[in-house]
């Protein structure tokens, strides 16, 4: 009887461990999906901004703010040559 309980406890532990592992993967997968959605939305907004007259000014401000947030120093920014606004 004790042996059967030990085996049942072992199996139960393995099942619980497997369920936790699978739940972790589900959570990570959902986080990845949400991050992808946010990046897609950000990309779409940036593309729509290129048609605005203030695009260049906003882009410059964003670059300066990002450089400051990163601690300053030398910064190289590469942009395409497509005309804006």
PDB file of N, CA and C in Angstrom:
ATOM      1  N   UNK A   1       0.820  -1.197   0.000  1.00  0.00           N
ATOM      2  CA  UNK A   1       0.000   0.000   0.000  1.00  0.00           C
ATOM      3  C   UNK A   1       0.865   1.262   0.000  1.00  0.00           C
ATOM      4  N   UNK A   2       1.920   1.271   0.791  1.00  0.00           N
ATOM      5  CA  UNK A   2       2.814   2.435   0.861  1.00  0.00           C
ATOM      6  C   UNK A   2       3.503   2.658  -0.477  1.00  0.00           C
ATOM      7  N   UNK A   3       3.876   1.557  -1.118  1.00  0.00           N
ATOM      8  CA  UNK A   3       4.544   1.658  -2.416  1.00  0.00           C
ATOM      9  C   UNK A   3       3.605   2.283  -3.449  1.00  0.00           C
ATOM     10  N   UNK A   4       2.358   1.881  -3.437  1.00  0.00           N
ATOM     11  CA  UNK A   4       1.372   2.415  -4.368  1.00  0.00           C
ATOM     12  C   UNK A   4       1.169   3.912  -4.131  1.00  0.00           C
ATOM     13  N   UNK A   5       1.136   4.334  -2.857  1.00  0.00           N
ATOM     14  CA  UNK A   5       0.999   5.758  -2.542  1.00  0.00           C
ATOM     15  C   UNK A   5       2.202   6.549  -3.043  1.00  0.00           C
ATOM     16  N   UNK A   6       3.399   6.004  -2.853  1.00  0.00           N
ATOM     17  CA  UNK A   6       4.613   6.678  -3.334  1.00  0.00           C
ATOM     18  C   UNK A   6       4.587   6.836  -4.848  1.00  0.00           C
ATOM     19  N   UNK A   7       4.175   5.776  -5.541  1.00  0.00           N
ATOM     20  CA  UNK A   7       4.092   5.847  -6.998  1.00  0.00           C
ATOM     21  C   UNK A   7       3.030   6.864  -7.424  1.00  0.00           C
ATOM     22  N   UNK A   8       1.895   6.866  -6.741  1.00  0.00           N
ATOM     23  CA  UNK A   8       0.830   7.819  -7.053  1.00  0.00           C
ATOM     24  C   UNK A   8       1.308   9.243  -6.799  1.00  0.00           C
ATOM     25  N   UNK A   9       2.030   9.455  -5.711  1.00  0.00           N
ATOM     26  CA  UNK A   9       2.584  10.784  -5.416  1.00  0.00           C
ATOM     27  C   UNK A   9       3.573  11.214  -6.490  1.00  0.00           C
ATOM     28  N   UNK A  10       4.386  10.289  -6.943  1.00  0.00           N
ATOM     29  CA  UNK A  10       5.356  10.587  -7.992  1.00  0.00           C
ATOM     30  C   UNK A  10       4.644  10.964  -9.290  1.00  0.00           C
ATOM     31  N   UNK A  11       3.656  10.172  -9.674  1.00  0.00           N
ATOM     32  CA  UNK A  11       2.898  10.449 -10.895  1.00  0.00           C
ATOM     33  C   UNK A  11       2.173  11.785 -10.762  1.00  0.00           C
ATOM     34  N   UNK A  12       1.549  12.028  -9.621  1.00  0.00           N
ATOM     35  CA  UNK A  12       0.847  13.294  -9.388  1.00  0.00           C
ATOM     36  C   UNK A  12       1.820  14.467  -9.515  1.00  0.00           C
ATOM     37  N   UNK A  13       3.009  14.332  -8.936  1.00  0.00           N
ATOM     38  CA  UNK A  13       4.014  15.392  -9.022  1.00  0.00           C
ATOM     39  C   UNK A  13       4.427  15.654 -10.459  1.00  0.00           C
ATOM     40  N   UNK A  14       4.582  14.585 -11.243  1.00  0.00           N
ATOM     41  CA  UNK A  14       4.964  14.741 -12.647  1.00  0.00           C
ATOM     42  C   UNK A  14       3.853  15.419 -13.440  1.00  0.00           C
ATOM     43  N   UNK A  15       2.614  15.059 -13.162  1.00  0.00           N
ATOM     44  CA  UNK A  15       1.482  15.658 -13.864  1.00  0.00           C
ATOM     45  C   UNK A  15       1.389  17.143 -13.526  1.00  0.00           C
ATOM     46  N   UNK A  16       1.536  17.471 -12.258  1.00  0.00           N
ATOM     47  CA  UNK A  16       1.485  18.874 -11.832  1.00  0.00           C
ATOM     48  C   UNK A  16       2.628  19.665 -12.456  1.00  0.00           C
ATOM     49  N   UNK A  17       3.808  19.088 -12.454  1.00  0.00           N
ATOM     50  CA  UNK A  17       4.965  19.752 -13.051  1.00  0.00           C
ATOM     51  C   UNK A  17       4.749  19.994 -14.541  1.00  0.00           C
ATOM     52  N   UNK A  18       4.214  19.002 -15.228  1.00  0.00           N
ATOM     53  CA  UNK A  18       3.944  19.138 -16.663  1.00  0.00           C
ATOM     54  C   UNK A  18       2.884  20.211 -16.910  1.00  0.00           C
ATOM     55  N   UNK A  19       1.851  20.243 -16.086  1.00  0.00           N
ATOM     56  CA  UNK A  19       0.797  21.248 -16.240  1.00  0.00           C
ATOM     57  C   UNK A  19       1.359  22.650 -16.018  1.00  0.00           C
ATOM     58  N   UNK A  20       2.217  22.814 -15.036  1.00  0.00           N
ATOM     59  CA  UNK A  20       2.831  24.128 -14.788  1.00  0.00           C
ATOM     60  C   UNK A  20       3.700  24.557 -15.956  1.00  0.00           C
ATOM     61  N   UNK A  21       4.447  23.604 -16.497  1.00  0.00           N
ATOM     62  CA  UNK A  21       5.308  23.912 -17.639  1.00  0.00           C
ATOM     63  C   UNK A  21       4.462  24.346 -18.838  1.00  0.00           C
ATOM     64  N   UNK A  22       3.387  23.613 -19.102  1.00  0.00           N
ATOM     65  CA  UNK A  22       2.512  23.963 -20.223  1.00  0.00           C
ATOM     66  C   UNK A  22       1.844  25.315 -19.999  1.00  0.00           C
ATOM     67  N   UNK A  23       1.430  25.585 -18.773  1.00  0.00           N
ATOM     68  CA  UNK A  23       0.812  26.880 -18.463  1.00  0.00           C
ATOM     69  C   UNK A  23       1.812  28.009 -18.688  1.00  0.00           C
ATOM     70  N   UNK A  24       3.064  27.777 -18.321  1.00  0.00           N
ATOM     71  CA  UNK A  24       4.110  28.776 -18.561  1.00  0.00           C
ATOM     72  C   UNK A  24       4.279  29.072 -20.034  1.00  0.00           C
ATOM     73  N   UNK A  25       4.223  28.032 -20.865  1.00  0.00           N
ATOM     74  CA  UNK A  25       4.343  28.230 -22.307  1.00  0.00           C
ATOM     75  C   UNK A  25       3.154  29.001 -22.861  1.00  0.00           C
ATOM     76  N   UNK A  26       1.966  28.724 -22.311  1.00  0.00           N
ATOM     77  CA  UNK A  26       0.772  29.449 -22.763  1.00  0.00           C
ATOM     78  C   UNK A  26       0.913  30.932 -22.434  1.00  0.00           C
ATOM     79  N   UNK A  27       1.377  31.229 -21.231  1.00  0.00           N
ATOM     80  CA  UNK A  27       1.568  32.624 -20.821  1.00  0.00           C
ATOM     81  C   UNK A  27       2.601  33.303 -21.713  1.00  0.00           C
ATOM     82  N   UNK A  28       3.727  32.651 -21.943  1.00  0.00           N
ATOM     83  CA  UNK A  28       4.765  33.229 -22.809  1.00  0.00           C
ATOM     84  C   UNK A  28       4.261  33.445 -24.228  1.00  0.00           C
ATOM     85  N   UNK A  29       3.495  32.507 -24.736  1.00  0.00           N
ATOM     86  CA  UNK A  29       2.953  32.627 -26.084  1.00  0.00           C
ATOM     87  C   UNK A  29       2.003  33.817 -26.179  1.00  0.00           C
ATOM     88  N   UNK A  30       1.174  33.993 -25.166  1.00  0.00           N
ATOM     89  CA  UNK A  30       0.240  35.125 -25.167  1.00  0.00           C
ATOM     90  C   UNK A  30       0.995  36.448 -25.054  1.00  0.00           C
ATOM     91  N   UNK A  31       2.022  36.494 -24.228  1.00  0.00           N
ATOM     92  CA  UNK A  31       2.826  37.713 -24.116  1.00  0.00           C
ATOM     93  C   UNK A  31       3.474  38.042 -25.456  1.00  0.00           C
ATOM     94  N   UNK A  32       3.992  37.033 -26.120  1.00  0.00           N
ATOM     95  CA  UNK A  32       4.624  37.244 -27.432  1.00  0.00           C
ATOM     96  C   UNK A  32       3.607  37.773 -28.435  1.00  0.00           C
ATOM     97  N   UNK A  33       2.391  37.236 -28.403  1.00  0.00           N
ATOM     98  CA  UNK A  33       1.337  37.696 -29.316  1.00  0.00           C
ATOM     99  C   UNK A  33       0.993  39.164 -29.039  1.00  0.00           C
ATOM    100  N   UNK A  34       0.866  39.517 -27.757  1.00  0.00           N
ATOM    101  CA  UNK A  34       0.532  40.898 -27.399  1.00  0.00           C
ATOM    102  C   UNK A  34       1.643  41.867 -27.797  1.00  0.00           C
ATOM    103  N   UNK A  35       2.883  41.474 -27.570  1.00  0.00           N
ATOM    104  CA  UNK A  35       4.017  42.318 -27.960  1.00  0.00           C
ATOM    105  C   UNK A  35       4.027  42.505 -29.475  1.00  0.00           C
ATOM    106  N   UNK A  36       3.763  41.445 -30.206  1.00  0.00           N
ATOM    107  CA  UNK A  36       3.687  41.536 -31.662  1.00  0.00           C
ATOM    108  C   UNK A  36       2.601  42.507 -32.109  1.00  0.00           C
ATOM    109  N   UNK A  37       1.458  42.456 -31.433  1.00  0.00           N
ATOM    110  CA  UNK A  37       0.368  43.385 -31.762  1.00  0.00           C
ATOM    111  C   UNK A  37       0.780  44.830 -31.511  1.00  0.00           C
ATOM    112  N   UNK A  38       1.456  45.068 -30.393  1.00  0.00           N
ATOM    113  CA  UNK A  38       1.903  46.426 -30.070  1.00  0.00           C
ATOM    114  C   UNK A  38       2.911  46.913 -31.113  1.00  0.00           C
ATOM    115  N   UNK A  39       3.846  46.061 -31.486  1.00  0.00           N
ATOM    116  CA  UNK A  39       4.834  46.446 -32.499  1.00  0.00           C
ATOM    117  C   UNK A  39       4.174  46.716 -33.847  1.00  0.00           C
ATOM    118  N   UNK A  40       3.195  45.900 -34.216  1.00  0.00           N
ATOM    119  CA  UNK A  40       2.476  46.137 -35.475  1.00  0.00           C
ATOM    120  C   UNK A  40       1.754  47.475 -35.445  1.00  0.00           C
ATOM    121  N   UNK A  41       1.118  47.783 -34.333  1.00  0.00           N
ATOM    122  CA  UNK A  41       0.403  49.062 -34.195  1.00  0.00           C
ATOM    123  C   UNK A  41       1.384  50.233 -34.243  1.00  0.00           C
ATOM    124  N   UNK A  42       2.509  50.104 -33.553  1.00  0.00           N
ATOM    125  CA  UNK A  42       3.520  51.165 -33.568  1.00  0.00           C
ATOM    126  C   UNK A  42       4.047  51.378 -34.986  1.00  0.00           C
ATOM    127  N   UNK A  43       4.292  50.281 -35.685  1.00  0.00           N
ATOM    128  CA  UNK A  43       4.780  50.366 -37.066  1.00  0.00           C
ATOM    129  C   UNK A  43       3.745  51.071 -37.952  1.00  0.00           C
ATOM    130  N   UNK A  44       2.482  50.718 -37.795  1.00  0.00           N
ATOM    131  CA  UNK A  44       1.418  51.334 -38.592  1.00  0.00           C
ATOM    132  C   UNK A  44       1.323  52.832 -38.297  1.00  0.00           C
ATOM    133  N   UNK A  45       1.444  53.192 -37.032  1.00  0.00           N
ATOM    134  CA  UNK A  45       1.380  54.615 -36.679  1.00  0.00           C
ATOM    135  C   UNK A  45       2.567  55.382 -37.250  1.00  0.00           C
ATOM    136  N   UNK A  46       3.735  54.768 -37.208  1.00  0.00           N
ATOM    137  CA  UNK A  46       4.916  55.437 -37.766  1.00  0.00           C
ATOM    138  C   UNK A  46       4.773  55.631 -39.271  1.00  0.00           C
ATOM    139  N   UNK A  47       4.250  54.632 -39.951  1.00  0.00           N
ATOM    140  CA  UNK A  47       4.060  54.754 -41.396  1.00  0.00           C
ATOM    141  C   UNK A  47       3.073  55.872 -41.696  1.00  0.00           C
ATOM    142  N   UNK A  48       1.995  55.961 -40.924  1.00  0.00           N
ATOM    143  CA  UNK A  48       1.012  57.016 -41.173  1.00  0.00           C
ATOM    144  C   UNK A  48       1.582  58.393 -40.848  1.00  0.00           C
ATOM    145  N   UNK A  49       2.529  58.453 -39.909  1.00  0.00           N
ATOM    146  CA  UNK A  49       3.143  59.741 -39.556  1.00  0.00           C
ATOM    147  C   UNK A  49       3.978  60.319 -40.687  1.00  0.00           C
ATOM    148  N   UNK A  50       4.525  59.473 -41.537  1.00  0.00           N
ATOM    149  CA  UNK A  50       5.391  59.980 -42.604  1.00  0.00           C
ATOM    150  C   UNK A  50       4.640  60.891 -43.555  1.00  0.00           C
ATOM    151  N   UNK A  51       3.327  60.827 -43.528  1.00  0.00           N
ATOM    152  CA  UNK A  51       2.518  61.688 -44.396  1.00  0.00           C
ATOM    153  C   UNK A  51       2.164  63.016 -43.727  1.00  0.00           C
ATOM    154  N   UNK A  52       2.588  63.213 -42.490  1.00  0.00           N
ATOM    155  CA  UNK A  52       2.282  64.446 -41.775  1.00  0.00           C
ATOM    156  C   UNK A  52       3.358  65.498 -42.036  1.00  0.00           C
ATOM    157  N   UNK A  53       2.949  66.745 -42.018  1.00  0.00           N
ATOM    158  CA  UNK A  53       3.903  67.832 -42.240  1.00  0.00           C
ATOM    159  C   UNK A  53       4.909  67.935 -41.101  1.00  0.00           C
ATOM    160  N   UNK A  54       4.478  67.590 -39.899  1.00  0.00           N
ATOM    161  CA  UNK A  54       5.360  67.718 -38.742  1.00  0.00           C
ATOM    162  C   UNK A  54       6.252  66.482 -38.535  1.00  0.00           C
ATOM    163  N   UNK A  55       6.258  65.574 -39.472  1.00  0.00           N
ATOM    164  CA  UNK A  55       6.989  64.319 -39.314  1.00  0.00           C
ATOM    165  C   UNK A  55       8.458  64.537 -38.962  1.00  0.00           C
ATOM    166  N   UNK A  56       9.143  65.382 -39.718  1.00  0.00           N
ATOM    167  CA  UNK A  56      10.573  65.611 -39.499  1.00  0.00           C
ATOM    168  C   UNK A  56      10.829  66.167 -38.104  1.00  0.00           C
ATOM    169  N   UNK A  57      10.034  67.131 -37.682  1.00  0.00           N
ATOM    170  CA  UNK A  57      10.207  67.701 -36.336  1.00  0.00           C
ATOM    171  C   UNK A  57       9.963  66.658 -35.254  1.00  0.00           C
ATOM    172  N   UNK A  58       8.922  65.873 -35.414  1.00  0.00           N
ATOM    173  CA  UNK A  58       8.610  64.836 -34.427  1.00  0.00           C
ATOM    174  C   UNK A  58       9.696  63.753 -34.412  1.00  0.00           C
ATOM    175  N   UNK A  59      10.201  63.412 -35.589  1.00  0.00           N
ATOM    176  CA  UNK A  59      11.264  62.415 -35.679  1.00  0.00           C
ATOM    177  C   UNK A  59      12.522  62.903 -34.977  1.00  0.00           C
ATOM    178  N   UNK A  60      12.891  64.146 -35.208  1.00  0.00           N
ATOM    179  CA  UNK A  60      14.063  64.721 -34.552  1.00  0.00           C
ATOM    180  C   UNK A  60      13.889  64.713 -33.034  1.00  0.00           C
ATOM    181  N   UNK A  61      12.717  65.104 -32.555  1.00  0.00           N
ATOM    182  CA  UNK A  61      12.441  65.125 -31.119  1.00  0.00           C
ATOM    183  C   UNK A  61      12.545  63.714 -30.532  1.00  0.00           C
ATOM    184  N   UNK A  62      11.986  62.739 -31.230  1.00  0.00           N
ATOM    185  CA  UNK A  62      12.027  61.349 -30.762  1.00  0.00           C
ATOM    186  C   UNK A  62      13.461  60.840 -30.688  1.00  0.00           C
ATOM    187  N   UNK A  63      14.268  61.167 -31.684  1.00  0.00           N
ATOM    188  CA  UNK A  63      15.662  60.736 -31.705  1.00  0.00           C
ATOM    189  C   UNK A  63      16.430  61.360 -30.540  1.00  0.00           C
ATOM    190  N   UNK A  64      16.237  62.642 -30.310  1.00  0.00           N
ATOM    191  CA  UNK A  64      16.930  63.326 -29.216  1.00  0.00           C
ATOM    192  C   UNK A  64      16.482  62.748 -27.877  1.00  0.00           C
ATOM    193  N   UNK A  65      15.182  62.545 -27.704  1.00  0.00           N
ATOM    194  CA  UNK A  65      14.670  61.976 -26.455  1.00  0.00           C
ATOM    195  C   UNK A  65      15.232  60.574 -26.206  1.00  0.00           C
ATOM    196  N   UNK A  66      15.277  59.768 -27.253  1.00  0.00           N
ATOM    197  CA  UNK A  66      15.803  58.409 -27.118  1.00  0.00           C
ATOM    198  C   UNK A  66      17.291  58.436 -26.792  1.00  0.00           C
ATOM    199  N   UNK A  67      18.037  59.312 -27.460  1.00  0.00           N
ATOM    200  CA  UNK A  67      19.463  59.423 -27.173  1.00  0.00           C
ATOM    201  C   UNK A  67      19.718  59.865 -25.749  1.00  0.00           C
ATOM    202  N   UNK A  68      18.912  60.793 -25.250  1.00  0.00           N
ATOM    203  CA  UNK A  68      19.036  61.253 -23.872  1.00  0.00           C
ATOM    204  C   UNK A  68      18.707  60.121 -22.905  1.00  0.00           C
ATOM    205  N   UNK A  69      17.645  59.377 -23.181  1.00  0.00           N
ATOM    206  CA  UNK A  69      17.242  58.266 -22.321  1.00  0.00           C
ATOM    207  C   UNK A  69      18.318  57.186 -22.272  1.00  0.00           C
ATOM    208  N   UNK A  70      19.068  57.044 -23.352  1.00  0.00           N
ATOM    209  CA  UNK A  70      20.131  56.038 -23.409  1.00  0.00           C
ATOM    210  C   UNK A  70      21.445  56.536 -22.818  1.00  0.00           C
ATOM    211  N   UNK A  71      21.462  57.766 -22.338  1.00  0.00           N
ATOM    212  CA  UNK A  71      22.653  58.269 -21.676  1.00  0.00           C
ATOM    213  C   UNK A  71      23.515  59.162 -22.532  1.00  0.00           C
ATOM    214  N   UNK A  72      23.032  59.559 -23.682  1.00  0.00           N
ATOM    215  CA  UNK A  72      23.789  60.469 -24.538  1.00  0.00           C
ATOM    216  C   UNK A  72      24.947  59.775 -25.214  1.00  0.00           C
ATOM    217  N   UNK A  73      25.973  60.532 -25.531  1.00  0.00           N
ATOM    218  CA  UNK A  73      27.120  59.982 -26.235  1.00  0.00           C
ATOM    219  C   UNK A  73      26.921  60.074 -27.739  1.00  0.00           C
ATOM    220  N   UNK A  74      27.835  59.442 -28.463  1.00  0.00           N
ATOM    221  CA  UNK A  74      27.788  59.488 -29.924  1.00  0.00           C
ATOM    222  C   UNK A  74      26.605  58.671 -30.413  1.00  0.00           C
ATOM    223  N   UNK A  75      25.863  59.232 -31.352  1.00  0.00           N
ATOM    224  CA  UNK A  75      24.675  58.592 -31.883  1.00  0.00           C
ATOM    225  C   UNK A  75      24.667  58.734 -33.395  1.00  0.00           C
ATOM    226  N   UNK A  76      24.498  57.629 -34.083  1.00  0.00           N
ATOM    227  CA  UNK A  76      24.408  57.653 -35.537  1.00  0.00           C
ATOM    228  C   UNK A  76      23.015  57.224 -35.927  1.00  0.00           C
ATOM    229  N   UNK A  77      22.353  58.077 -36.699  1.00  0.00           N
ATOM    230  CA  UNK A  77      20.980  57.803 -37.134  1.00  0.00           C
ATOM    231  C   UNK A  77      20.982  57.700 -38.648  1.00  0.00           C
ATOM    232  N   UNK A  78      20.415  56.622 -39.138  1.00  0.00           N
ATOM    233  CA  UNK A  78      20.348  56.406 -40.582  1.00  0.00           C
ATOM    234  C   UNK A  78      18.882  56.444 -41.008  1.00  0.00           C
ATOM    235  N   UNK A  79      18.564  57.312 -41.951  1.00  0.00           N
ATOM    236  CA  UNK A  79      17.213  57.482 -42.436  1.00  0.00           C
ATOM    237  C   UNK A  79      17.177  57.221 -43.937  1.00  0.00           C
ATOM    238  N   UNK A  80      15.990  56.884 -44.450  1.00  0.00           N
ATOM    239  CA  UNK A  80      15.894  56.719 -45.907  1.00  0.00           C
ATOM    240  C   UNK A  80      15.796  58.099 -46.553  1.00  0.00           C
ATOM    241  N   UNK A  81      15.905  58.148 -47.846  1.00  0.00           N
ATOM    242  CA  UNK A  81      15.927  59.420 -48.551  1.00  0.00           C
ATOM    243  C   UNK A  81      14.569  59.795 -49.127  1.00  0.00           C
ATOM    244  N   UNK A  82      13.539  59.080 -48.729  1.00  0.00           N
ATOM    245  CA  UNK A  82      12.206  59.369 -49.234  1.00  0.00           C
ATOM    246  C   UNK A  82      11.772  60.751 -48.727  1.00  0.00           C
ATOM    247  N   UNK A  83      11.263  61.594 -49.607  1.00  0.00           N
ATOM    248  CA  UNK A  83      10.801  62.916 -49.178  1.00  0.00           C
ATOM    249  C   UNK A  83       9.623  62.787 -48.236  1.00  0.00           C
ATOM    250  N   UNK A  84       9.505  63.711 -47.303  1.00  0.00           N
ATOM    251  CA  UNK A  84       8.422  63.688 -46.333  1.00  0.00           C
ATOM    252  C   UNK A  84       7.536  64.900 -46.509  1.00  0.00           C
ATOM    253  N   UNK A  85       6.297  64.774 -45.931  1.00  0.00           N
ATOM    254  CA  UNK A  85       5.311  65.829 -45.813  1.00  0.00           C
ATOM    255  C   UNK A  85       5.356  66.772 -46.921  1.00  0.00           C
TER     256      UNK A  85
END
